[in-house]
Amino acid sequence: MSSTLAALQQRKERLDEELKQVEKQVYDLETTYLNESSQYGNVLKGFEGFLSQTKNTSQKKARNFKPEDRLFSLSSSSSPVVDEIAAERAEEKTVTTQSGRKAGGGTTYR
């Protein structure tokens, strides 16, 4: 029975690693797509930019995208983008105001 358990644990570890690699591949391909399509539009944001382009296409304007724009990566709870969003939220919580108090926090009474 312990050999069966060990075999199942090894299989699970192998599948976890394979899932991690596939999610990284999706993340990388999604990054490429969002970067390359930012000037003219894409299936997630629409193609309004494609029709409104001027004849001067030498000025490529790279538009930044947010982690929330990653529709495919966000479909998995273990994707690399989940860590990015969690880090952004943690950073937002620690931002302080000019007076030195935490932004968005209530008053703490002692």
N, C-alpha and C. Protein backbone atom coordinates (compact mmCIF):
# COMPACT_ATOMS: atom_id res chain seq x y z
N MET A 1 0.82 -1.19 0.00
CA MET A 1 0.00 0.00 0.00
C MET A 1 0.86 1.25 0.00
N SER A 2 1.97 1.25 0.73
CA SER A 2 2.83 2.43 0.76
C SER A 2 3.48 2.69 -0.59
N SER A 3 3.73 1.63 -1.36
CA SER A 3 4.30 1.83 -2.69
C SER A 3 3.28 2.49 -3.61
N THR A 4 2.00 2.14 -3.44
CA THR A 4 0.94 2.77 -4.22
C THR A 4 0.83 4.24 -3.87
N LEU A 5 0.90 4.54 -2.60
CA LEU A 5 0.84 5.92 -2.14
C LEU A 5 2.03 6.72 -2.68
N ALA A 6 3.21 6.15 -2.63
CA ALA A 6 4.41 6.82 -3.15
C ALA A 6 4.28 7.07 -4.65
N ALA A 7 3.75 6.09 -5.37
CA ALA A 7 3.57 6.24 -6.82
C ALA A 7 2.56 7.34 -7.12
N LEU A 8 1.49 7.39 -6.34
CA LEU A 8 0.49 8.44 -6.54
C LEU A 8 1.06 9.82 -6.21
N GLN A 9 1.87 9.91 -5.19
CA GLN A 9 2.49 11.19 -4.84
C GLN A 9 3.44 11.65 -5.93
N GLN A 10 4.22 10.72 -6.49
CA GLN A 10 5.12 11.07 -7.58
C GLN A 10 4.33 11.54 -8.81
N ARG A 11 3.23 10.85 -9.09
CA ARG A 11 2.39 11.24 -10.22
C ARG A 11 1.81 12.63 -10.01
N LYS A 12 1.35 12.90 -8.80
CA LYS A 12 0.79 14.21 -8.48
C LYS A 12 1.85 15.30 -8.65
N GLU A 13 3.05 15.06 -8.17
CA GLU A 13 4.14 16.04 -8.31
C GLU A 13 4.46 16.28 -9.77
N ARG A 14 4.46 15.22 -10.57
CA ARG A 14 4.74 15.35 -12.00
C ARG A 14 3.63 16.16 -12.69
N LEU A 15 2.38 15.89 -12.35
CA LEU A 15 1.26 16.62 -12.93
C LEU A 15 1.24 18.08 -12.47
N ASP A 16 1.60 18.34 -11.23
CA ASP A 16 1.70 19.72 -10.74
C ASP A 16 2.75 20.49 -11.51
N GLU A 17 3.88 19.85 -11.77
CA GLU A 17 4.94 20.51 -12.53
C GLU A 17 4.51 20.75 -13.97
N GLU A 18 3.83 19.78 -14.55
CA GLU A 18 3.33 19.94 -15.92
C GLU A 18 2.31 21.08 -16.00
N LEU A 19 1.42 21.16 -15.02
CA LEU A 19 0.44 22.25 -14.97
C LEU A 19 1.14 23.60 -14.85
N LYS A 20 2.16 23.66 -14.03
CA LYS A 20 2.92 24.90 -13.86
C LYS A 20 3.55 25.34 -15.18
N GLN A 21 4.10 24.39 -15.93
CA GLN A 21 4.72 24.70 -17.21
C GLN A 21 3.69 25.17 -18.23
N VAL A 22 2.52 24.53 -18.27
CA VAL A 22 1.47 24.93 -19.21
C VAL A 22 0.95 26.32 -18.85
N GLU A 23 0.76 26.59 -17.57
CA GLU A 23 0.30 27.92 -17.15
C GLU A 23 1.32 29.00 -17.49
N LYS A 24 2.59 28.70 -17.34
CA LYS A 24 3.64 29.65 -17.71
C LYS A 24 3.62 29.90 -19.21
N GLN A 25 3.42 28.86 -19.99
CA GLN A 25 3.35 29.00 -21.45
C GLN A 25 2.15 29.87 -21.84
N VAL A 26 1.00 29.63 -21.23
CA VAL A 26 -0.19 30.44 -21.50
C VAL A 26 0.08 31.90 -21.13
N TYR A 27 0.70 32.11 -19.96
CA TYR A 27 1.03 33.45 -19.49
C TYR A 27 1.94 34.17 -20.48
N ASP A 28 2.97 33.48 -20.95
CA ASP A 28 3.92 34.08 -21.89
C ASP A 28 3.27 34.39 -23.24
N LEU A 29 2.46 33.47 -23.75
CA LEU A 29 1.77 33.71 -25.02
C LEU A 29 0.75 34.85 -24.88
N GLU A 30 0.10 34.90 -23.75
CA GLU A 30 -0.86 35.97 -23.50
C GLU A 30 -0.15 37.33 -23.43
N THR A 31 1.02 37.36 -22.80
CA THR A 31 1.82 38.59 -22.73
C THR A 31 2.19 39.05 -24.13
N THR A 32 2.65 38.15 -24.96
CA THR A 32 3.01 38.47 -26.33
C THR A 32 1.80 39.02 -27.08
N TYR A 33 0.67 38.36 -26.95
CA TYR A 33 -0.54 38.80 -27.65
C TYR A 33 -0.96 40.19 -27.19
N LEU A 34 -0.99 40.41 -25.89
CA LEU A 34 -1.43 41.71 -25.37
C LEU A 34 -0.47 42.82 -25.77
N ASN A 35 0.82 42.54 -25.81
CA ASN A 35 1.80 43.54 -26.23
C ASN A 35 1.70 43.84 -27.72
N GLU A 36 1.58 42.81 -28.53
CA GLU A 36 1.55 43.00 -29.98
C GLU A 36 0.25 43.61 -30.46
N SER A 37 -0.83 43.37 -29.77
CA SER A 37 -2.13 43.84 -30.24
C SER A 37 -2.56 45.15 -29.57
N SER A 38 -1.72 45.70 -28.72
CA SER A 38 -2.14 46.87 -27.95
C SER A 38 -2.37 48.11 -28.81
N GLN A 39 -1.68 48.23 -29.92
CA GLN A 39 -1.82 49.42 -30.75
C GLN A 39 -3.15 49.45 -31.51
N TYR A 40 -3.56 48.32 -32.02
CA TYR A 40 -4.75 48.27 -32.86
C TYR A 40 -5.99 47.73 -32.18
N GLY A 41 -5.81 47.02 -31.10
CA GLY A 41 -6.92 46.41 -30.40
C GLY A 41 -6.79 44.90 -30.39
N ASN A 42 -7.62 44.27 -29.59
CA ASN A 42 -7.60 42.82 -29.51
C ASN A 42 -8.99 42.30 -29.14
N VAL A 43 -9.13 41.00 -29.07
CA VAL A 43 -10.44 40.42 -28.83
C VAL A 43 -10.97 40.74 -27.43
N LEU A 44 -10.10 41.11 -26.52
CA LEU A 44 -10.54 41.42 -25.16
C LEU A 44 -10.98 42.87 -25.01
N LYS A 45 -10.30 43.77 -25.68
CA LYS A 45 -10.58 45.20 -25.55
C LYS A 45 -11.35 45.79 -26.72
N GLY A 46 -11.41 45.08 -27.82
CA GLY A 46 -12.08 45.59 -29.01
C GLY A 46 -11.07 46.13 -30.01
N PHE A 47 -11.54 46.47 -31.20
CA PHE A 47 -10.66 46.89 -32.28
C PHE A 47 -10.89 48.34 -32.70
N GLU A 48 -11.35 49.17 -31.78
CA GLU A 48 -11.59 50.57 -32.10
C GLU A 48 -10.31 51.27 -32.57
N GLY A 49 -9.19 50.92 -32.00
CA GLY A 49 -7.92 51.53 -32.38
C GLY A 49 -7.52 51.23 -33.81
N PHE A 50 -7.96 50.12 -34.35
CA PHE A 50 -7.62 49.74 -35.71
C PHE A 50 -8.22 50.72 -36.72
N LEU A 51 -9.44 51.11 -36.50
CA LEU A 51 -10.12 52.01 -37.43
C LEU A 51 -9.70 53.46 -37.26
N SER A 52 -9.23 53.83 -36.09
CA SER A 52 -8.91 55.23 -35.83
C SER A 52 -7.43 55.55 -36.03
N GLN A 53 -6.65 54.62 -36.57
CA GLN A 53 -5.22 54.86 -36.78
C GLN A 53 -5.01 55.89 -37.88
N THR A 54 -4.07 56.79 -37.66
CA THR A 54 -3.70 57.74 -38.70
C THR A 54 -2.75 57.07 -39.68
N LYS A 55 -2.43 57.78 -40.75
CA LYS A 55 -1.54 57.20 -41.75
C LYS A 55 -0.11 57.08 -41.24
N ASN A 56 0.23 57.82 -40.22
CA ASN A 56 1.58 57.74 -39.65
C ASN A 56 1.63 56.60 -38.65
N THR A 57 2.03 55.43 -39.13
CA THR A 57 2.08 54.25 -38.27
C THR A 57 3.46 54.03 -37.69
N SER A 58 4.39 54.96 -37.96
CA SER A 58 5.74 54.78 -37.44
C SER A 58 5.81 55.02 -35.94
N GLN A 59 4.82 55.71 -35.41
CA GLN A 59 4.79 55.97 -33.97
C GLN A 59 3.96 54.90 -33.29
N LYS A 60 4.58 53.82 -32.96
CA LYS A 60 3.87 52.76 -32.26
C LYS A 60 3.80 53.13 -30.79
N LYS A 61 2.62 53.22 -30.32
CA LYS A 61 2.40 53.59 -28.93
C LYS A 61 2.08 52.33 -28.14
N ALA A 62 3.00 51.91 -27.32
CA ALA A 62 2.77 50.73 -26.51
C ALA A 62 1.85 51.08 -25.34
N ARG A 63 0.79 50.37 -25.26
CA ARG A 63 -0.14 50.58 -24.15
C ARG A 63 0.10 49.50 -23.11
N ASN A 64 0.14 49.92 -21.89
CA ASN A 64 0.31 48.95 -20.82
C ASN A 64 -1.02 48.26 -20.56
N PHE A 65 -0.92 47.03 -20.14
CA PHE A 65 -2.12 46.30 -19.77
C PHE A 65 -2.01 45.90 -18.31
N LYS A 66 -3.14 45.66 -17.71
CA LYS A 66 -3.20 45.32 -16.29
C LYS A 66 -3.31 43.81 -16.14
N PRO A 67 -2.91 43.29 -14.99
CA PRO A 67 -3.08 41.85 -14.78
C PRO A 67 -4.54 41.39 -14.94
N GLU A 68 -5.48 42.29 -14.68
CA GLU A 68 -6.89 41.95 -14.83
C GLU A 68 -7.27 41.73 -16.30
N ASP A 69 -6.42 42.16 -17.23
CA ASP A 69 -6.67 41.97 -18.66
C ASP A 69 -6.34 40.55 -19.11
N ARG A 70 -5.72 39.79 -18.28
CA ARG A 70 -5.28 38.44 -18.64
C ARG A 70 -6.41 37.43 -18.43
N LEU A 71 -7.32 37.41 -19.37
CA LEU A 71 -8.50 36.56 -19.26
C LEU A 71 -8.14 35.09 -19.14
N PHE A 72 -7.21 34.63 -19.94
CA PHE A 72 -6.89 33.20 -19.95
C PHE A 72 -6.12 32.80 -18.70
N SER A 73 -5.16 33.61 -18.29
CA SER A 73 -4.40 33.28 -17.09
C SER A 73 -5.28 33.34 -15.85
N LEU A 74 -6.23 34.25 -15.84
CA LEU A 74 -7.10 34.37 -14.68
C LEU A 74 -8.09 33.21 -14.56
N SER A 75 -8.18 32.38 -15.57
CA SER A 75 -9.08 31.23 -15.49
C SER A 75 -8.51 30.13 -14.61
N SER A 76 -7.30 30.27 -14.16
CA SER A 76 -6.67 29.29 -13.27
C SER A 76 -6.26 29.95 -11.97
N SER A 77 -6.58 29.32 -10.87
CA SER A 77 -6.24 29.89 -9.56
C SER A 77 -4.78 29.72 -9.21
N SER A 78 -4.04 28.93 -9.98
CA SER A 78 -2.62 28.73 -9.69
C SER A 78 -1.71 29.36 -10.74
N SER A 79 -2.26 30.23 -11.55
CA SER A 79 -1.50 30.91 -12.60
C SER A 79 -0.55 31.95 -12.00
N PRO A 80 0.54 32.29 -12.71
CA PRO A 80 1.46 33.32 -12.22
C PRO A 80 0.79 34.68 -12.02
N VAL A 81 -0.26 34.98 -12.76
CA VAL A 81 -0.92 36.28 -12.64
C VAL A 81 -1.63 36.42 -11.30
N VAL A 82 -2.02 35.33 -10.69
CA VAL A 82 -2.67 35.38 -9.39
C VAL A 82 -1.71 35.96 -8.36
N ASP A 83 -0.44 35.58 -8.45
CA ASP A 83 0.58 36.13 -7.55
C ASP A 83 0.79 37.62 -7.79
N GLU A 84 0.75 38.04 -9.07
CA GLU A 84 0.90 39.46 -9.40
C GLU A 84 -0.22 40.29 -8.79
N ILE A 85 -1.43 39.82 -8.92
CA ILE A 85 -2.58 40.55 -8.39
C ILE A 85 -2.52 40.60 -6.88
N ALA A 86 -2.14 39.50 -6.24
CA ALA A 86 -2.04 39.48 -4.79
C ALA A 86 -0.96 40.46 -4.31
N ALA A 87 0.15 40.54 -5.04
CA ALA A 87 1.23 41.47 -4.67
C ALA A 87 0.77 42.91 -4.84
N GLU A 88 0.02 43.20 -5.91
CA GLU A 88 -0.50 44.56 -6.12
C GLU A 88 -1.45 44.96 -5.01
N ARG A 89 -2.31 44.05 -4.62
CA ARG A 89 -3.28 44.34 -3.56
C ARG A 89 -2.58 44.55 -2.22
N ALA A 90 -1.56 43.77 -1.96
CA ALA A 90 -0.81 43.93 -0.72
C ALA A 90 -0.08 45.27 -0.71
N GLU A 91 0.44 45.66 -1.88
CA GLU A 91 1.13 46.94 -2.00
C GLU A 91 0.16 48.10 -1.79
N GLU A 92 -1.04 47.98 -2.34
CA GLU A 92 -2.05 49.02 -2.18
C GLU A 92 -2.43 49.20 -0.71
N LYS A 93 -2.45 48.13 0.03
CA LYS A 93 -2.83 48.21 1.43
C LYS A 93 -1.77 48.88 2.28
N THR A 94 -0.51 48.82 1.83
CA THR A 94 0.56 49.40 2.63
C THR A 94 0.92 50.82 2.23
N VAL A 95 0.23 51.34 1.22
CA VAL A 95 0.47 52.72 0.80
C VAL A 95 0.01 53.65 1.92
N THR A 96 0.85 54.61 2.23
CA THR A 96 0.49 55.53 3.32
C THR A 96 0.15 56.90 2.75
N THR A 97 -0.64 57.62 3.49
CA THR A 97 -0.99 58.97 3.09
C THR A 97 0.13 59.92 3.50
N GLN A 98 0.00 61.19 3.15
CA GLN A 98 1.04 62.16 3.50
C GLN A 98 1.17 62.33 5.01
N SER A 99 0.11 62.12 5.73
CA SER A 99 0.17 62.28 7.18
C SER A 99 0.81 61.08 7.86
N GLY A 100 1.12 60.03 7.08
CA GLY A 100 1.77 58.86 7.65
C GLY A 100 0.81 57.76 8.05
N ARG A 101 -0.49 57.97 7.86
CA ARG A 101 -1.47 56.94 8.18
C ARG A 101 -1.65 56.04 6.97
N LYS A 102 -2.04 54.83 7.24
CA LYS A 102 -2.31 53.91 6.14
C LYS A 102 -3.53 54.36 5.38
N ALA A 103 -3.44 54.29 4.06
CA ALA A 103 -4.56 54.69 3.21
C ALA A 103 -5.67 53.65 3.33
N GLY A 104 -6.89 54.13 3.41
CA GLY A 104 -8.04 53.23 3.41
C GLY A 104 -8.30 52.57 4.74
N GLY A 105 -7.49 52.82 5.71
CA GLY A 105 -7.69 52.17 7.01
C GLY A 105 -8.53 53.03 7.93
N GLY A 106 -9.15 52.39 8.84
CA GLY A 106 -9.95 53.12 9.81
C GLY A 106 -9.10 53.55 11.00
N THR A 107 -9.71 54.23 11.93
CA THR A 107 -9.00 54.68 13.11
C THR A 107 -8.95 53.54 14.12
N THR A 108 -7.78 53.35 14.69
CA THR A 108 -7.61 52.31 15.71
C THR A 108 -7.62 53.00 17.07
N TYR A 109 -8.48 52.56 17.94
CA TYR A 109 -8.58 53.12 19.30
C TYR A 109 -7.91 52.17 20.27
N ARG A 110 -7.19 52.77 21.21
CA ARG A 110 -6.50 51.94 22.20
C ARG A 110 -7.15 52.02 23.52
